[in-house]
C-alpha cells in the first residue's frame, strides 16, 4: 500500500489521447480501471465523472484525420487505480 501514496489523484476528466488538453502523462504511468454502471470497461478513451459519460472508440468508423470516431455512453462513472 505504500505505492498508493505515490499515485496522483485521479482527475474528474481524463483522456487517453496525448493531443487532448485533458491528457495527463503522469497518471498513465499507473494502471487505471473504469466502471460504467458497475461494469468494468477496458475500451474507454476518455471519461468525465461529474457529467457521467465515457467515450469509446468505434470499431470501424474513422474521422477525416484517420482517428477512430468516439461514441459517448452515459451512466455512473467510477475511476480507480488497479
N, C-alpha and C. Protein backbone atom coordinates (compact mmCIF):
# COMPACT_ATOMS: atom_id res chain seq x y z
N UNK A 1 0.80 -1.20 0.00
CA UNK A 1 0.00 0.00 0.00
C UNK A 1 0.85 1.27 0.00
N UNK A 2 2.14 1.15 0.11
CA UNK A 2 2.98 2.35 0.06
C UNK A 2 2.99 2.96 -1.34
N UNK A 3 2.66 2.14 -2.37
CA UNK A 3 2.62 2.64 -3.74
C UNK A 3 1.42 3.57 -3.95
N UNK A 4 0.36 3.40 -3.17
CA UNK A 4 -0.84 4.23 -3.30
C UNK A 4 -0.54 5.69 -2.97
N UNK A 5 0.43 5.94 -2.09
CA UNK A 5 0.77 7.32 -1.74
C UNK A 5 1.48 8.03 -2.88
N UNK A 6 2.18 7.29 -3.72
CA UNK A 6 2.92 7.91 -4.82
C UNK A 6 2.06 8.12 -6.06
N UNK A 7 0.82 7.60 -6.05
CA UNK A 7 -0.07 7.76 -7.19
C UNK A 7 -0.76 9.11 -7.12
N UNK A 8 -0.80 9.85 -8.24
CA UNK A 8 -1.51 11.13 -8.23
C UNK A 8 -3.03 10.90 -8.15
N UNK A 9 -3.74 11.88 -7.66
CA UNK A 9 -5.19 11.77 -7.56
C UNK A 9 -5.78 11.74 -8.97
N UNK A 10 -6.80 10.91 -9.15
CA UNK A 10 -7.45 10.82 -10.45
C UNK A 10 -8.30 12.06 -10.69
N UNK A 11 -8.18 12.68 -11.86
CA UNK A 11 -8.96 13.89 -12.15
C UNK A 11 -10.41 13.55 -12.48
N UNK A 12 -11.25 14.58 -12.50
CA UNK A 12 -12.65 14.43 -12.87
C UNK A 12 -12.78 14.03 -14.33
N UNK A 13 -11.91 14.54 -15.18
CA UNK A 13 -11.95 14.24 -16.62
C UNK A 13 -10.55 13.87 -17.09
N UNK A 14 -10.46 12.78 -17.84
CA UNK A 14 -9.17 12.29 -18.30
C UNK A 14 -9.32 11.71 -19.69
N UNK A 15 -8.33 11.97 -20.54
CA UNK A 15 -8.33 11.48 -21.91
C UNK A 15 -7.06 10.69 -22.18
N UNK A 16 -7.18 9.64 -22.97
CA UNK A 16 -6.03 8.84 -23.35
C UNK A 16 -5.29 9.38 -24.56
N UNK A 17 -5.86 10.36 -25.24
CA UNK A 17 -5.26 10.95 -26.43
C UNK A 17 -4.24 12.01 -26.01
N UNK A 18 -2.96 11.86 -26.38
CA UNK A 18 -1.94 12.83 -25.97
C UNK A 18 -2.18 14.24 -26.51
N UNK A 19 -2.95 14.38 -27.57
CA UNK A 19 -3.23 15.71 -28.12
C UNK A 19 -4.34 16.44 -27.38
N UNK A 20 -5.03 15.77 -26.49
CA UNK A 20 -6.15 16.37 -25.76
C UNK A 20 -5.63 17.22 -24.59
N UNK A 21 -6.33 18.33 -24.27
CA UNK A 21 -5.93 19.11 -23.09
C UNK A 21 -6.22 18.39 -21.77
N UNK A 22 -6.98 17.29 -21.81
CA UNK A 22 -7.33 16.53 -20.60
C UNK A 22 -6.44 15.31 -20.42
N UNK A 23 -5.35 15.23 -21.17
CA UNK A 23 -4.40 14.12 -21.05
C UNK A 23 -3.37 14.47 -19.99
N UNK A 24 -3.08 13.52 -19.09
CA UNK A 24 -2.06 13.70 -18.06
C UNK A 24 -1.13 12.49 -18.07
N UNK A 25 0.08 12.68 -18.55
CA UNK A 25 1.03 11.59 -18.73
C UNK A 25 1.38 10.91 -17.41
N UNK A 26 1.46 11.67 -16.32
CA UNK A 26 1.85 11.10 -15.02
C UNK A 26 0.83 10.07 -14.52
N UNK A 27 -0.43 10.27 -14.84
CA UNK A 27 -1.46 9.33 -14.39
C UNK A 27 -1.37 8.03 -15.16
N UNK A 28 -1.00 8.08 -16.44
CA UNK A 28 -0.94 6.88 -17.26
C UNK A 28 0.29 6.02 -16.98
N UNK A 29 1.15 6.45 -16.06
CA UNK A 29 2.24 5.59 -15.62
C UNK A 29 1.73 4.48 -14.72
N UNK A 30 0.52 4.61 -14.20
CA UNK A 30 -0.13 3.62 -13.36
C UNK A 30 -1.31 3.01 -14.12
N UNK A 31 -1.71 1.82 -13.74
CA UNK A 31 -2.83 1.16 -14.41
C UNK A 31 -4.14 1.69 -13.83
N UNK A 32 -5.05 2.12 -14.71
CA UNK A 32 -6.31 2.72 -14.32
C UNK A 32 -7.46 1.81 -14.72
N UNK A 33 -8.47 1.73 -13.87
CA UNK A 33 -9.68 0.97 -14.19
C UNK A 33 -10.87 1.92 -14.25
N UNK A 34 -11.82 1.61 -15.13
CA UNK A 34 -13.03 2.42 -15.29
C UNK A 34 -14.24 1.50 -15.18
N UNK A 35 -15.22 1.90 -14.38
CA UNK A 35 -16.50 1.20 -14.31
C UNK A 35 -17.59 2.15 -14.80
N UNK A 36 -18.45 1.63 -15.67
CA UNK A 36 -19.62 2.36 -16.14
C UNK A 36 -20.83 1.56 -15.72
N UNK A 37 -21.68 2.15 -14.89
CA UNK A 37 -22.87 1.49 -14.36
C UNK A 37 -22.53 0.15 -13.69
N UNK A 38 -21.40 0.11 -12.98
CA UNK A 38 -21.00 -1.07 -12.24
C UNK A 38 -20.28 -2.13 -13.03
N UNK A 39 -20.09 -1.95 -14.33
CA UNK A 39 -19.40 -2.93 -15.17
C UNK A 39 -18.03 -2.39 -15.58
N UNK A 40 -17.04 -3.26 -15.51
CA UNK A 40 -15.68 -2.90 -15.89
C UNK A 40 -15.60 -2.66 -17.40
N UNK A 41 -14.99 -1.53 -17.79
CA UNK A 41 -14.79 -1.22 -19.21
C UNK A 41 -13.30 -1.14 -19.47
N UNK A 42 -12.85 -1.78 -20.53
CA UNK A 42 -11.43 -1.76 -20.87
C UNK A 42 -11.16 -0.97 -22.14
N UNK A 43 -12.21 -0.46 -22.79
CA UNK A 43 -12.06 0.22 -24.07
C UNK A 43 -12.34 1.72 -24.00
N UNK A 44 -12.23 2.32 -22.83
CA UNK A 44 -12.56 3.73 -22.64
C UNK A 44 -11.41 4.61 -23.11
N UNK A 45 -11.71 5.59 -23.96
CA UNK A 45 -10.72 6.55 -24.45
C UNK A 45 -10.70 7.82 -23.61
N UNK A 46 -11.85 8.21 -23.07
CA UNK A 46 -11.98 9.44 -22.29
C UNK A 46 -13.15 9.28 -21.34
N UNK A 47 -13.06 9.92 -20.16
CA UNK A 47 -14.19 9.86 -19.22
C UNK A 47 -14.36 11.19 -18.51
N UNK A 48 -15.56 11.41 -17.98
CA UNK A 48 -15.86 12.54 -17.11
C UNK A 48 -16.78 12.04 -16.01
N UNK A 49 -16.32 12.08 -14.78
CA UNK A 49 -17.08 11.56 -13.65
C UNK A 49 -18.26 12.47 -13.32
N UNK A 50 -18.04 13.79 -13.26
CA UNK A 50 -19.10 14.70 -12.84
C UNK A 50 -20.25 14.76 -13.84
N UNK A 51 -19.95 14.65 -15.14
CA UNK A 51 -21.00 14.69 -16.16
C UNK A 51 -21.56 13.31 -16.46
N UNK A 52 -20.91 12.24 -16.00
CA UNK A 52 -21.41 10.88 -16.12
C UNK A 52 -21.36 10.31 -17.52
N UNK A 53 -20.20 10.40 -18.19
CA UNK A 53 -20.07 9.80 -19.52
C UNK A 53 -18.66 9.26 -19.73
N UNK A 54 -18.58 8.31 -20.66
CA UNK A 54 -17.31 7.81 -21.15
C UNK A 54 -17.37 7.82 -22.67
N UNK A 55 -16.22 7.93 -23.31
CA UNK A 55 -16.15 7.87 -24.76
C UNK A 55 -15.38 6.61 -25.15
N UNK A 56 -15.99 5.86 -26.07
CA UNK A 56 -15.45 4.58 -26.52
C UNK A 56 -15.22 4.67 -28.02
N UNK A 57 -14.09 4.15 -28.49
CA UNK A 57 -13.76 4.20 -29.92
C UNK A 57 -14.66 3.26 -30.71
N UNK A 58 -15.13 3.74 -31.85
CA UNK A 58 -15.90 2.92 -32.78
C UNK A 58 -14.97 1.88 -33.40
N UNK A 59 -15.52 0.72 -33.72
CA UNK A 59 -14.68 -0.36 -34.26
C UNK A 59 -14.24 -0.12 -35.69
N UNK A 60 -15.09 0.50 -36.52
CA UNK A 60 -14.75 0.62 -37.93
C UNK A 60 -14.72 2.05 -38.45
N UNK A 61 -15.49 2.96 -37.88
CA UNK A 61 -15.61 4.31 -38.43
C UNK A 61 -14.41 5.17 -38.04
N UNK A 62 -13.89 5.93 -39.01
CA UNK A 62 -12.77 6.84 -38.79
C UNK A 62 -13.17 8.26 -39.17
N UNK A 63 -12.55 9.24 -38.51
CA UNK A 63 -12.81 10.62 -38.91
C UNK A 63 -11.88 10.99 -40.07
N UNK A 64 -11.91 12.23 -40.49
CA UNK A 64 -11.14 12.64 -41.67
C UNK A 64 -9.63 12.65 -41.43
N UNK A 65 -9.21 12.59 -40.18
CA UNK A 65 -7.77 12.53 -39.87
C UNK A 65 -7.29 11.10 -39.63
N UNK A 66 -8.20 10.13 -39.79
CA UNK A 66 -7.84 8.74 -39.61
C UNK A 66 -7.95 8.23 -38.19
N UNK A 67 -8.45 9.06 -37.28
CA UNK A 67 -8.65 8.66 -35.89
C UNK A 67 -10.02 7.99 -35.75
N UNK A 68 -10.16 7.00 -34.86
CA UNK A 68 -11.48 6.36 -34.69
C UNK A 68 -12.50 7.34 -34.12
N UNK A 69 -13.73 7.23 -34.60
CA UNK A 69 -14.81 8.05 -34.05
C UNK A 69 -15.13 7.57 -32.64
N UNK A 70 -15.47 8.51 -31.76
CA UNK A 70 -15.77 8.17 -30.38
C UNK A 70 -17.27 8.23 -30.14
N UNK A 71 -17.80 7.18 -29.51
CA UNK A 71 -19.21 7.13 -29.13
C UNK A 71 -19.31 7.44 -27.64
N UNK A 72 -20.28 8.26 -27.26
CA UNK A 72 -20.47 8.62 -25.87
C UNK A 72 -21.49 7.70 -25.23
N UNK A 73 -21.12 7.16 -24.06
CA UNK A 73 -22.02 6.31 -23.29
C UNK A 73 -22.22 6.98 -21.94
N UNK A 74 -23.48 7.08 -21.49
CA UNK A 74 -23.78 7.78 -20.25
C UNK A 74 -24.15 6.81 -19.13
N UNK A 75 -23.86 7.24 -17.91
CA UNK A 75 -24.18 6.44 -16.73
C UNK A 75 -23.32 6.87 -15.57
N UNK A 76 -23.25 6.02 -14.56
CA UNK A 76 -22.43 6.29 -13.38
C UNK A 76 -20.99 5.84 -13.65
N UNK A 77 -20.05 6.77 -13.58
CA UNK A 77 -18.66 6.50 -13.92
C UNK A 77 -17.83 6.47 -12.63
N UNK A 78 -17.01 5.41 -12.50
CA UNK A 78 -16.08 5.28 -11.39
C UNK A 78 -14.69 5.03 -11.96
N UNK A 79 -13.71 5.80 -11.52
CA UNK A 79 -12.33 5.62 -11.94
C UNK A 79 -11.51 5.23 -10.71
N UNK A 80 -10.58 4.29 -10.91
CA UNK A 80 -9.77 3.80 -9.78
C UNK A 80 -8.44 3.26 -10.30
N UNK A 81 -7.48 3.14 -9.39
CA UNK A 81 -6.21 2.52 -9.73
C UNK A 81 -6.33 1.02 -9.48
N UNK A 82 -5.80 0.23 -10.40
CA UNK A 82 -5.82 -1.24 -10.22
C UNK A 82 -4.69 -1.68 -9.34
